Amino acid sequence: MKSDPINFILENNINLEKKFYLISGNEQTLMERTKDKLIDFTKKTNLFEIEKIDEVSQKSSNLGLFNKNKLYLIKSLRGVDNSTLDNLYSDNEIFVFIEENKPKNKLLK
């Protein structure tokens, strides 16, 4: 589902009901503000630990005794397809993919 980034940034009630988010576009500043809004929300609710990685293949699967829910900020869509997304689906993880518009991105949108 496409969302208007300006409305998202200005909105105070954010509902993270989805497991996968794609932030893409040509305006780097708008993409960063959208990402920052997600991070601020997770810090306020204290529900998620934030982990920044370059590619989805770098996702750690370490389970600890006191694991929190995780929010992964992923810089690249390299290696991501529908089967990868199916394998990543988890109850306690949210994945945010951040990449500028490219023709390949249309397949995942």
PDB file of N, CA and C in Angstrom:
ATOM      1  N   MET A   1       0.832  -1.163   0.000  1.00  0.00           N
ATOM      2  CA  MET A   1       0.000   0.000   0.000  1.00  0.00           C
ATOM      3  C   MET A   1       0.888   1.241   0.000  1.00  0.00           C
ATOM      4  N   LYS A   2       0.623   2.136  -0.913  1.00  0.00           N
ATOM      5  CA  LYS A   2       1.369   3.383  -0.969  1.00  0.00           C
ATOM      6  C   LYS A   2       0.795   4.350   0.055  1.00  0.00           C
ATOM      7  N   SER A   3       1.692   5.142   0.613  1.00  0.00           N
ATOM      8  CA  SER A   3       1.299   6.111   1.616  1.00  0.00           C
ATOM      9  C   SER A   3       1.948   7.445   1.289  1.00  0.00           C
ATOM     10  N   ASP A   4       1.270   8.508   1.617  1.00  0.00           N
ATOM     11  CA  ASP A   4       1.822   9.841   1.408  1.00  0.00           C
ATOM     12  C   ASP A   4       2.828  10.127   2.519  1.00  0.00           C
ATOM     13  N   PRO A   5       4.107  10.310   2.169  1.00  0.00           N
ATOM     14  CA  PRO A   5       5.130  10.495   3.212  1.00  0.00           C
ATOM     15  C   PRO A   5       4.920  11.756   4.049  1.00  0.00           C
ATOM     16  N   ILE A   6       4.371  12.803   3.463  1.00  0.00           N
ATOM     17  CA  ILE A   6       4.167  14.038   4.221  1.00  0.00           C
ATOM     18  C   ILE A   6       3.108  13.825   5.291  1.00  0.00           C
ATOM     19  N   ASN A   7       2.010  13.143   4.939  1.00  0.00           N
ATOM     20  CA  ASN A   7       0.995  12.826   5.941  1.00  0.00           C
ATOM     21  C   ASN A   7       1.560  11.917   7.021  1.00  0.00           C
ATOM     22  N   PHE A   8       2.396  10.977   6.632  1.00  0.00           N
ATOM     23  CA  PHE A   8       3.006  10.063   7.593  1.00  0.00           C
ATOM     24  C   PHE A   8       3.893  10.829   8.582  1.00  0.00           C
ATOM     25  N   ILE A   9       4.674  11.762   8.078  1.00  0.00           N
ATOM     26  CA  ILE A   9       5.575  12.546   8.927  1.00  0.00           C
ATOM     27  C   ILE A   9       4.781  13.428   9.895  1.00  0.00           C
ATOM     28  N   LEU A  10       3.686  14.005   9.428  1.00  0.00           N
ATOM     29  CA  LEU A  10       2.891  14.909  10.254  1.00  0.00           C
ATOM     30  C   LEU A  10       1.947  14.183  11.211  1.00  0.00           C
ATOM     31  N   GLU A  11       1.643  12.946  10.940  1.00  0.00           N
ATOM     32  CA  GLU A  11       0.734  12.145  11.762  1.00  0.00           C
ATOM     33  C   GLU A  11       1.350  11.859  13.124  1.00  0.00           C
ATOM     34  N   ASN A  12       0.548  11.915  14.170  1.00  0.00           N
ATOM     35  CA  ASN A  12       1.035  11.594  15.508  1.00  0.00           C
ATOM     36  C   ASN A  12       0.702  10.168  15.925  1.00  0.00           C
ATOM     37  N   ASN A  13      -0.300   9.580  15.325  1.00  0.00           N
ATOM     38  CA  ASN A  13      -0.675   8.200  15.639  1.00  0.00           C
ATOM     39  C   ASN A  13      -0.154   7.281  14.546  1.00  0.00           C
ATOM     40  N   ILE A  14       0.874   6.527  14.860  1.00  0.00           N
ATOM     41  CA  ILE A  14       1.450   5.584  13.910  1.00  0.00           C
ATOM     42  C   ILE A  14       1.106   4.188  14.382  1.00  0.00           C
ATOM     43  N   ASN A  15       0.608   3.386  13.474  1.00  0.00           N
ATOM     44  CA  ASN A  15       0.271   2.012  13.809  1.00  0.00           C
ATOM     45  C   ASN A  15       1.178   1.093  12.991  1.00  0.00           C
ATOM     46  N   LEU A  16       2.107   0.445  13.659  1.00  0.00           N
ATOM     47  CA  LEU A  16       3.035  -0.456  12.973  1.00  0.00           C
ATOM     48  C   LEU A  16       2.426  -1.854  12.901  1.00  0.00           C
ATOM     49  N   GLU A  17       1.394  -1.979  12.098  1.00  0.00           N
ATOM     50  CA  GLU A  17       0.724  -3.265  11.983  1.00  0.00           C
ATOM     51  C   GLU A  17       1.299  -4.140  10.878  1.00  0.00           C
ATOM     52  N   LYS A  18       2.081  -3.574  10.016  1.00  0.00           N
ATOM     53  CA  LYS A  18       2.713  -4.336   8.935  1.00  0.00           C
ATOM     54  C   LYS A  18       4.080  -4.834   9.384  1.00  0.00           C
ATOM     55  N   LYS A  19       4.608  -5.821   8.690  1.00  0.00           N
ATOM     56  CA  LYS A  19       5.932  -6.367   9.002  1.00  0.00           C
ATOM     57  C   LYS A  19       7.015  -5.846   8.069  1.00  0.00           C
ATOM     58  N   PHE A  20       6.605  -5.363   6.893  1.00  0.00           N
ATOM     59  CA  PHE A  20       7.562  -4.883   5.897  1.00  0.00           C
ATOM     60  C   PHE A  20       7.167  -3.488   5.430  1.00  0.00           C
ATOM     61  N   TYR A  21       8.166  -2.606   5.385  1.00  0.00           N
ATOM     62  CA  TYR A  21       7.968  -1.252   4.887  1.00  0.00           C
ATOM     63  C   TYR A  21       9.063  -0.953   3.880  1.00  0.00           C
ATOM     64  N   LEU A  22       8.690  -0.273   2.799  1.00  0.00           N
ATOM     65  CA  LEU A  22       9.648   0.145   1.788  1.00  0.00           C
ATOM     66  C   LEU A  22       9.590   1.662   1.695  1.00  0.00           C
ATOM     67  N   ILE A  23      10.699   2.295   2.012  1.00  0.00           N
ATOM     68  CA  ILE A  23      10.811   3.748   1.863  1.00  0.00           C
ATOM     69  C   ILE A  23      11.682   3.979   0.641  1.00  0.00           C
ATOM     70  N   SER A  24      11.071   4.503  -0.401  1.00  0.00           N
ATOM     71  CA  SER A  24      11.827   4.753  -1.632  1.00  0.00           C
ATOM     72  C   SER A  24      11.362   6.064  -2.230  1.00  0.00           C
ATOM     73  N   GLY A  25      12.185   6.611  -3.070  1.00  0.00           N
ATOM     74  CA  GLY A  25      11.843   7.859  -3.726  1.00  0.00           C
ATOM     75  C   GLY A  25      13.087   8.516  -4.274  1.00  0.00           C
ATOM     76  N   ASN A  26      12.899   9.723  -4.767  1.00  0.00           N
ATOM     77  CA  ASN A  26      14.014  10.482  -5.316  1.00  0.00           C
ATOM     78  C   ASN A  26      14.471  11.586  -4.383  1.00  0.00           C
ATOM     79  N   GLU A  27      13.682  11.870  -3.358  1.00  0.00           N
ATOM     80  CA  GLU A  27      14.004  12.930  -2.408  1.00  0.00           C
ATOM     81  C   GLU A  27      14.613  12.327  -1.157  1.00  0.00           C
ATOM     82  N   GLN A  28      15.923  12.393  -1.059  1.00  0.00           N
ATOM     83  CA  GLN A  28      16.648  11.786   0.050  1.00  0.00           C
ATOM     84  C   GLN A  28      16.206  12.352   1.401  1.00  0.00           C
ATOM     85  N   THR A  29      15.973  13.643   1.461  1.00  0.00           N
ATOM     86  CA  THR A  29      15.581  14.286   2.710  1.00  0.00           C
ATOM     87  C   THR A  29      14.233  13.757   3.196  1.00  0.00           C
ATOM     88  N   LEU A  30      13.291  13.608   2.300  1.00  0.00           N
ATOM     89  CA  LEU A  30      11.974  13.086   2.655  1.00  0.00           C
ATOM     90  C   LEU A  30      12.056  11.636   3.109  1.00  0.00           C
ATOM     91  N   MET A  31      12.917  10.868   2.462  1.00  0.00           N
ATOM     92  CA  MET A  31      13.119   9.474   2.866  1.00  0.00           C
ATOM     93  C   MET A  31      13.711   9.405   4.275  1.00  0.00           C
ATOM     94  N   GLU A  32      14.687  10.270   4.563  1.00  0.00           N
ATOM     95  CA  GLU A  32      15.314  10.297   5.886  1.00  0.00           C
ATOM     96  C   GLU A  32      14.325  10.716   6.968  1.00  0.00           C
ATOM     97  N   ARG A  33      13.491  11.698   6.661  1.00  0.00           N
ATOM     98  CA  ARG A  33      12.487  12.150   7.647  1.00  0.00           C
ATOM     99  C   ARG A  33      11.482  11.044   7.948  1.00  0.00           C
ATOM    100  N   THR A  34      11.090  10.302   6.923  1.00  0.00           N
ATOM    101  CA  THR A  34      10.166   9.186   7.126  1.00  0.00           C
ATOM    102  C   THR A  34      10.807   8.122   8.002  1.00  0.00           C
ATOM    103  N   LYS A  35      12.054   7.796   7.722  1.00  0.00           N
ATOM    104  CA  LYS A  35      12.787   6.822   8.537  1.00  0.00           C
ATOM    105  C   LYS A  35      12.930   7.320   9.970  1.00  0.00           C
ATOM    106  N   ASP A  36      13.266   8.582  10.144  1.00  0.00           N
ATOM    107  CA  ASP A  36      13.420   9.152  11.479  1.00  0.00           C
ATOM    108  C   ASP A  36      12.115   9.103  12.266  1.00  0.00           C
ATOM    109  N   LYS A  37      11.005   9.311  11.593  1.00  0.00           N
ATOM    110  CA  LYS A  37       9.698   9.251  12.261  1.00  0.00           C
ATOM    111  C   LYS A  37       9.438   7.838  12.785  1.00  0.00           C
ATOM    112  N   LEU A  38       9.769   6.825  11.992  1.00  0.00           N
ATOM    113  CA  LEU A  38       9.620   5.433  12.450  1.00  0.00           C
ATOM    114  C   LEU A  38      10.511   5.157  13.659  1.00  0.00           C
ATOM    115  N   ILE A  39      11.736   5.627  13.612  1.00  0.00           N
ATOM    116  CA  ILE A  39      12.669   5.413  14.717  1.00  0.00           C
ATOM    117  C   ILE A  39      12.187   6.132  15.972  1.00  0.00           C
ATOM    118  N   ASP A  40      11.746   7.382  15.825  1.00  0.00           N
ATOM    119  CA  ASP A  40      11.241   8.127  16.980  1.00  0.00           C
ATOM    120  C   ASP A  40      10.059   7.418  17.625  1.00  0.00           C
ATOM    121  N   PHE A  41       9.179   6.896  16.802  1.00  0.00           N
ATOM    122  CA  PHE A  41       8.022   6.184  17.338  1.00  0.00           C
ATOM    123  C   PHE A  41       8.444   4.949  18.124  1.00  0.00           C
ATOM    124  N   THR A  42       9.383   4.197  17.587  1.00  0.00           N
ATOM    125  CA  THR A  42       9.817   2.984  18.285  1.00  0.00           C
ATOM    126  C   THR A  42      10.552   3.321  19.578  1.00  0.00           C
ATOM    127  N   LYS A  43      11.257   4.444  19.607  1.00  0.00           N
ATOM    128  CA  LYS A  43      11.936   4.856  20.837  1.00  0.00           C
ATOM    129  C   LYS A  43      10.923   5.286  21.898  1.00  0.00           C
ATOM    130  N   LYS A  44       9.860   5.959  21.479  1.00  0.00           N
ATOM    131  CA  LYS A  44       8.833   6.407  22.425  1.00  0.00           C
ATOM    132  C   LYS A  44       8.099   5.223  23.053  1.00  0.00           C
ATOM    133  N   THR A  45       7.778   4.261  22.234  1.00  0.00           N
ATOM    134  CA  THR A  45       7.026   3.120  22.748  1.00  0.00           C
ATOM    135  C   THR A  45       7.925   2.105  23.424  1.00  0.00           C
ATOM    136  N   ASN A  46       9.224   2.203  23.153  1.00  0.00           N
ATOM    137  CA  ASN A  46      10.213   1.320  23.775  1.00  0.00           C
ATOM    138  C   ASN A  46       9.934  -0.162  23.502  1.00  0.00           C
ATOM    139  N   LEU A  47       9.289  -0.425  22.402  1.00  0.00           N
ATOM    140  CA  LEU A  47       8.934  -1.799  22.080  1.00  0.00           C
ATOM    141  C   LEU A  47       9.962  -2.497  21.207  1.00  0.00           C
ATOM    142  N   PHE A  48      10.829  -1.744  20.562  1.00  0.00           N
ATOM    143  CA  PHE A  48      11.713  -2.330  19.576  1.00  0.00           C
ATOM    144  C   PHE A  48      13.170  -1.955  19.805  1.00  0.00           C
ATOM    145  N   GLU A  49      14.017  -2.898  19.512  1.00  0.00           N
ATOM    146  CA  GLU A  49      15.448  -2.644  19.431  1.00  0.00           C
ATOM    147  C   GLU A  49      15.734  -2.384  17.957  1.00  0.00           C
ATOM    148  N   ILE A  50      16.516  -1.356  17.661  1.00  0.00           N
ATOM    149  CA  ILE A  50      16.777  -0.970  16.273  1.00  0.00           C
ATOM    150  C   ILE A  50      18.136  -1.496  15.855  1.00  0.00           C
ATOM    151  N   GLU A  51      18.159  -2.152  14.690  1.00  0.00           N
ATOM    152  CA  GLU A  51      19.408  -2.664  14.141  1.00  0.00           C
ATOM    153  C   GLU A  51      19.527  -2.211  12.694  1.00  0.00           C
ATOM    154  N   LYS A  52      20.656  -1.567  12.366  1.00  0.00           N
ATOM    155  CA  LYS A  52      20.910  -1.086  11.004  1.00  0.00           C
ATOM    156  C   LYS A  52      21.834  -2.070  10.300  1.00  0.00           C
ATOM    157  N   ILE A  53      21.408  -2.514   9.108  1.00  0.00           N
ATOM    158  CA  ILE A  53      22.226  -3.419   8.302  1.00  0.00           C
ATOM    159  C   ILE A  53      22.191  -2.959   6.848  1.00  0.00           C
ATOM    160  N   ASP A  54      23.188  -3.397   6.069  1.00  0.00           N
ATOM    161  CA  ASP A  54      23.255  -3.004   4.668  1.00  0.00           C
ATOM    162  C   ASP A  54      22.357  -3.850   3.775  1.00  0.00           C
ATOM    163  N   GLU A  55      22.330  -5.154   4.015  1.00  0.00           N
ATOM    164  CA  GLU A  55      21.533  -6.077   3.200  1.00  0.00           C
ATOM    165  C   GLU A  55      20.781  -7.033   4.110  1.00  0.00           C
ATOM    166  N   VAL A  56      19.734  -7.598   3.584  1.00  0.00           N
ATOM    167  CA  VAL A  56      18.910  -8.515   4.370  1.00  0.00           C
ATOM    168  C   VAL A  56      19.679  -9.781   4.756  1.00  0.00           C
ATOM    169  N   SER A  57      20.698 -10.136   3.993  1.00  0.00           N
ATOM    170  CA  SER A  57      21.493 -11.323   4.306  1.00  0.00           C
ATOM    171  C   SER A  57      22.314 -11.147   5.582  1.00  0.00           C
ATOM    172  N   GLN A  58      22.467  -9.916   6.057  1.00  0.00           N
ATOM    173  CA  GLN A  58      23.229  -9.649   7.273  1.00  0.00           C
ATOM    174  C   GLN A  58      22.383  -9.712   8.541  1.00  0.00           C
ATOM    175  N   LYS A  59      21.123 -10.041   8.382  1.00  0.00           N
ATOM    176  CA  LYS A  59      20.221 -10.136   9.536  1.00  0.00           C
ATOM    177  C   LYS A  59      20.710 -11.236  10.469  1.00  0.00           C
ATOM    178  N   SER A  60      20.836 -10.883  11.734  1.00  0.00           N
ATOM    179  CA  SER A  60      21.280 -11.877  12.702  1.00  0.00           C
ATOM    180  C   SER A  60      20.086 -12.666  13.200  1.00  0.00           C
ATOM    181  N   SER A  61      20.307 -13.932  13.436  1.00  0.00           N
ATOM    182  CA  SER A  61      19.223 -14.765  13.959  1.00  0.00           C
ATOM    183  C   SER A  61      19.538 -15.204  15.383  1.00  0.00           C
ATOM    184  N   ASN A  62      20.338 -14.394  16.069  1.00  0.00           N
ATOM    185  CA  ASN A  62      20.698 -14.717  17.448  1.00  0.00           C
ATOM    186  C   ASN A  62      19.509 -14.483  18.370  1.00  0.00           C
ATOM    187  N   LEU A  63      19.179 -15.473  19.123  1.00  0.00           N
ATOM    188  CA  LEU A  63      18.118 -15.348  20.104  1.00  0.00           C
ATOM    189  C   LEU A  63      18.740 -15.330  21.487  1.00  0.00           C
ATOM    190  N   GLY A  64      18.385 -14.350  22.262  1.00  0.00           N
ATOM    191  CA  GLY A  64      18.922 -14.258  23.607  1.00  0.00           C
ATOM    192  C   GLY A  64      17.827 -14.452  24.630  1.00  0.00           C
ATOM    193  N   LEU A  65      18.215 -14.441  25.862  1.00  0.00           N
ATOM    194  CA  LEU A  65      17.279 -14.659  26.948  1.00  0.00           C
ATOM    195  C   LEU A  65      16.286 -13.510  27.075  1.00  0.00           C
ATOM    196  N   PHE A  66      16.763 -12.290  26.873  1.00  0.00           N
ATOM    197  CA  PHE A  66      15.905 -11.121  27.038  1.00  0.00           C
ATOM    198  C   PHE A  66      15.697 -10.404  25.712  1.00  0.00           C
ATOM    199  N   ASN A  67      15.343 -11.127  24.690  1.00  0.00           N
ATOM    200  CA  ASN A  67      15.159 -10.533  23.370  1.00  0.00           C
ATOM    201  C   ASN A  67      13.988  -9.569  23.352  1.00  0.00           C
ATOM    202  N   LYS A  68      14.211  -8.437  22.695  1.00  0.00           N
ATOM    203  CA  LYS A  68      13.151  -7.481  22.423  1.00  0.00           C
ATOM    204  C   LYS A  68      12.692  -7.706  20.993  1.00  0.00           C
ATOM    205  N   ASN A  69      11.616  -7.063  20.662  1.00  0.00           N
ATOM    206  CA  ASN A  69      11.231  -7.002  19.263  1.00  0.00           C
ATOM    207  C   ASN A  69      12.278  -6.185  18.531  1.00  0.00           C
ATOM    208  N   LYS A  70      12.495  -6.489  17.261  1.00  0.00           N
ATOM    209  CA  LYS A  70      13.536  -5.785  16.500  1.00  0.00           C
ATOM    210  C   LYS A  70      12.940  -5.059  15.314  1.00  0.00           C
ATOM    211  N   LEU A  71      13.498  -3.890  15.070  1.00  0.00           N
ATOM    212  CA  LEU A  71      13.200  -3.108  13.885  1.00  0.00           C
ATOM    213  C   LEU A  71      14.495  -3.053  13.087  1.00  0.00           C
ATOM    214  N   TYR A  72      14.496  -3.666  11.912  1.00  0.00           N
ATOM    215  CA  TYR A  72      15.681  -3.679  11.052  1.00  0.00           C
ATOM    216  C   TYR A  72      15.569  -2.557  10.028  1.00  0.00           C
ATOM    217  N   LEU A  73      16.594  -1.714   9.950  1.00  0.00           N
ATOM    218  CA  LEU A  73      16.700  -0.694   8.912  1.00  0.00           C
ATOM    219  C   LEU A  73      17.701  -1.206   7.889  1.00  0.00           C
ATOM    220  N   ILE A  74      17.215  -1.502   6.689  1.00  0.00           N
ATOM    221  CA  ILE A  74      18.026  -2.154   5.663  1.00  0.00           C
ATOM    222  C   ILE A  74      18.241  -1.185   4.506  1.00  0.00           C
ATOM    223  N   LYS A  75      19.499  -0.936   4.159  1.00  0.00           N
ATOM    224  CA  LYS A  75      19.862   0.071   3.154  1.00  0.00           C
ATOM    225  C   LYS A  75      19.675  -0.376   1.712  1.00  0.00           C
ATOM    226  N   SER A  76      19.626  -1.662   1.458  1.00  0.00           N
ATOM    227  CA  SER A  76      19.605  -2.139   0.078  1.00  0.00           C
ATOM    228  C   SER A  76      18.563  -3.237  -0.108  1.00  0.00           C
ATOM    229  N   LEU A  77      17.977  -3.268  -1.277  1.00  0.00           N
ATOM    230  CA  LEU A  77      17.029  -4.325  -1.630  1.00  0.00           C
ATOM    231  C   LEU A  77      17.717  -5.504  -2.314  1.00  0.00           C
ATOM    232  N   ARG A  78      19.026  -5.491  -2.354  1.00  0.00           N
ATOM    233  CA  ARG A  78      19.773  -6.565  -3.017  1.00  0.00           C
ATOM    234  C   ARG A  78      19.447  -7.902  -2.351  1.00  0.00           C
ATOM    235  N   GLY A  79      19.069  -8.874  -3.158  1.00  0.00           N
ATOM    236  CA  GLY A  79      18.767 -10.213  -2.655  1.00  0.00           C
ATOM    237  C   GLY A  79      17.366 -10.371  -2.098  1.00  0.00           C
ATOM    238  N   VAL A  80      16.511  -9.376  -2.278  1.00  0.00           N
ATOM    239  CA  VAL A  80      15.155  -9.449  -1.743  1.00  0.00           C
ATOM    240  C   VAL A  80      14.188  -9.807  -2.855  1.00  0.00           C
ATOM    241  N   ASP A  81      13.415 -10.852  -2.628  1.00  0.00           N
ATOM    242  CA  ASP A  81      12.319 -11.225  -3.514  1.00  0.00           C
ATOM    243  C   ASP A  81      11.182 -11.755  -2.635  1.00  0.00           C
ATOM    244  N   ASN A  82      10.114 -12.217  -3.265  1.00  0.00           N
ATOM    245  CA  ASN A  82       8.951 -12.665  -2.488  1.00  0.00           C
ATOM    246  C   ASN A  82       9.273 -13.829  -1.564  1.00  0.00           C
ATOM    247  N   SER A  83      10.091 -14.770  -2.004  1.00  0.00           N
ATOM    248  CA  SER A  83      10.417 -15.909  -1.149  1.00  0.00           C
ATOM    249  C   SER A  83      11.274 -15.474   0.046  1.00  0.00           C
ATOM    250  N   THR A  84      12.156 -14.505  -0.163  1.00  0.00           N
ATOM    251  CA  THR A  84      12.953 -13.972   0.948  1.00  0.00           C
ATOM    252  C   THR A  84      12.048 -13.325   1.978  1.00  0.00           C
ATOM    253  N   LEU A  85      11.073 -12.557   1.516  1.00  0.00           N
ATOM    254  CA  LEU A  85      10.142 -11.905   2.433  1.00  0.00           C
ATOM    255  C   LEU A  85       9.319 -12.931   3.199  1.00  0.00           C
ATOM    256  N   ASP A  86       8.907 -13.999   2.533  1.00  0.00           N
ATOM    257  CA  ASP A  86       8.156 -15.059   3.211  1.00  0.00           C
ATOM    258  C   ASP A  86       8.990 -15.696   4.323  1.00  0.00           C
ATOM    259  N   ASN A  87      10.273 -15.896   4.076  1.00  0.00           N
ATOM    260  CA  ASN A  87      11.156 -16.497   5.070  1.00  0.00           C
ATOM    261  C   ASN A  87      11.451 -15.554   6.241  1.00  0.00           C
ATOM    262  N   LEU A  88      11.385 -14.254   6.009  1.00  0.00           N
ATOM    263  CA  LEU A  88      11.686 -13.279   7.048  1.00  0.00           C
ATOM    264  C   LEU A  88      10.511 -12.999   7.972  1.00  0.00           C
ATOM    265  N   TYR A  89       9.329 -13.353   7.555  1.00  0.00           N
ATOM    266  CA  TYR A  89       8.132 -13.003   8.322  1.00  0.00           C
ATOM    267  C   TYR A  89       8.213 -13.578   9.734  1.00  0.00           C
ATOM    268  N   SER A  90       8.079 -12.699  10.715  1.00  0.00           N
ATOM    269  CA  SER A  90       8.183 -13.097  12.116  1.00  0.00           C
ATOM    270  C   SER A  90       7.252 -12.225  12.950  1.00  0.00           C
ATOM    271  N   ASP A  91       6.834 -12.746  14.081  1.00  0.00           N
ATOM    272  CA  ASP A  91       5.936 -11.986  14.943  1.00  0.00           C
ATOM    273  C   ASP A  91       6.616 -10.817  15.632  1.00  0.00           C
ATOM    274  N   ASN A  92       7.897 -10.909  15.867  1.00  0.00           N
ATOM    275  CA  ASN A  92       8.554  -9.886  16.668  1.00  0.00           C
ATOM    276  C   ASN A  92       9.598  -9.075  15.903  1.00  0.00           C
ATOM    277  N   GLU A  93       9.485  -9.021  14.584  1.00  0.00           N
ATOM    278  CA  GLU A  93      10.436  -8.253  13.786  1.00  0.00           C
ATOM    279  C   GLU A  93       9.709  -7.421  12.735  1.00  0.00           C
ATOM    280  N   ILE A  94      10.223  -6.206  12.530  1.00  0.00           N
ATOM    281  CA  ILE A  94       9.726  -5.324  11.482  1.00  0.00           C
ATOM    282  C   ILE A  94      10.917  -4.952  10.611  1.00  0.00           C
ATOM    283  N   PHE A  95      10.715  -4.986   9.309  1.00  0.00           N
ATOM    284  CA  PHE A  95      11.778  -4.706   8.355  1.00  0.00           C
ATOM    285  C   PHE A  95      11.434  -3.444   7.575  1.00  0.00           C
ATOM    286  N   VAL A  96      12.362  -2.477   7.585  1.00  0.00           N
ATOM    287  CA  VAL A  96      12.197  -1.238   6.843  1.00  0.00           C
ATOM    288  C   VAL A  96      13.316  -1.175   5.814  1.00  0.00           C
ATOM    289  N   PHE A  97      12.941  -1.265   4.550  1.00  0.00           N
ATOM    290  CA  PHE A  97      13.894  -1.197   3.446  1.00  0.00           C
ATOM    291  C   PHE A  97      13.939   0.238   2.956  1.00  0.00           C
ATOM    292  N   ILE A  98      15.145   0.777   2.808  1.00  0.00           N
ATOM    293  CA  ILE A  98      15.311   2.166   2.410  1.00  0.00           C
ATOM    294  C   ILE A  98      16.240   2.215   1.200  1.00  0.00           C
ATOM    295  N   GLU A  99      15.695   2.634   0.066  1.00  0.00           N
ATOM    296  CA  GLU A  99      16.520   2.714  -1.142  1.00  0.00           C
ATOM    297  C   GLU A  99      15.891   3.688  -2.125  1.00  0.00           C
ATOM    298  N   GLU A 100      16.746   4.403  -2.851  1.00  0.00           N
ATOM    299  CA  GLU A 100      16.255   5.328  -3.867  1.00  0.00           C
ATOM    300  C   GLU A 100      15.543   4.546  -4.969  1.00  0.00           C
ATOM    301  N   ASN A 101      14.683   5.242  -5.696  1.00  0.00           N
ATOM    302  CA  ASN A 101      13.932   4.600  -6.777  1.00  0.00           C
ATOM    303  C   ASN A 101      14.863   3.993  -7.821  1.00  0.00           C
ATOM    304  N   LYS A 102      14.572   2.773  -8.181  1.00  0.00           N
ATOM    305  CA  LYS A 102      15.267   2.052  -9.246  1.00  0.00           C
ATOM    306  C   LYS A 102      14.227   1.216  -9.979  1.00  0.00           C
ATOM    307  N   PRO A 103      14.460   0.887 -11.239  1.00  0.00           N
ATOM    308  CA  PRO A 103      13.491   0.058 -11.968  1.00  0.00           C
ATOM    309  C   PRO A 103      13.219  -1.285 -11.290  1.00  0.00           C
ATOM    310  N   LYS A 104      14.218  -1.880 -10.653  1.00  0.00           N
ATOM    311  CA  LYS A 104      14.048  -3.180  -9.995  1.00  0.00           C
ATOM    312  C   LYS A 104      13.073  -3.083  -8.816  1.00  0.00           C
ATOM    313  N   ASN A 105      13.003  -1.928  -8.178  1.00  0.00           N
ATOM    314  CA  ASN A 105      12.130  -1.755  -7.016  1.00  0.00           C
ATOM    315  C   ASN A 105      10.654  -1.929  -7.355  1.00  0.00           C
ATOM    316  N   LYS A 106      10.289  -1.677  -8.602  1.00  0.00           N
ATOM    317  CA  LYS A 106       8.886  -1.775  -9.009  1.00  0.00           C
ATOM    318  C   LYS A 106       8.335  -3.186  -8.810  1.00  0.00           C
ATOM    319  N   LEU A 107       9.196  -4.192  -8.943  1.00  0.00           N
ATOM    320  CA  LEU A 107       8.735  -5.560  -8.767  1.00  0.00           C
ATOM    321  C   LEU A 107       8.300  -5.831  -7.336  1.00  0.00           C
ATOM    322  N   LEU A 108       8.966  -5.229  -6.371  1.00  0.00           N
ATOM    323  CA  LEU A 108       8.613  -5.443  -4.964  1.00  0.00           C
ATOM    324  C   LEU A 108       7.498  -4.545  -4.472  1.00  0.00           C
ATOM    325  N   LYS A 109       7.348  -3.399  -5.121  1.00  0.00           N
ATOM    326  CA  LYS A 109       6.283  -2.471  -4.714  1.00  0.00           C
ATOM    327  C   LYS A 109       4.956  -3.108  -4.988  1.00  0.00           C
TER     328      LYS A 109
END
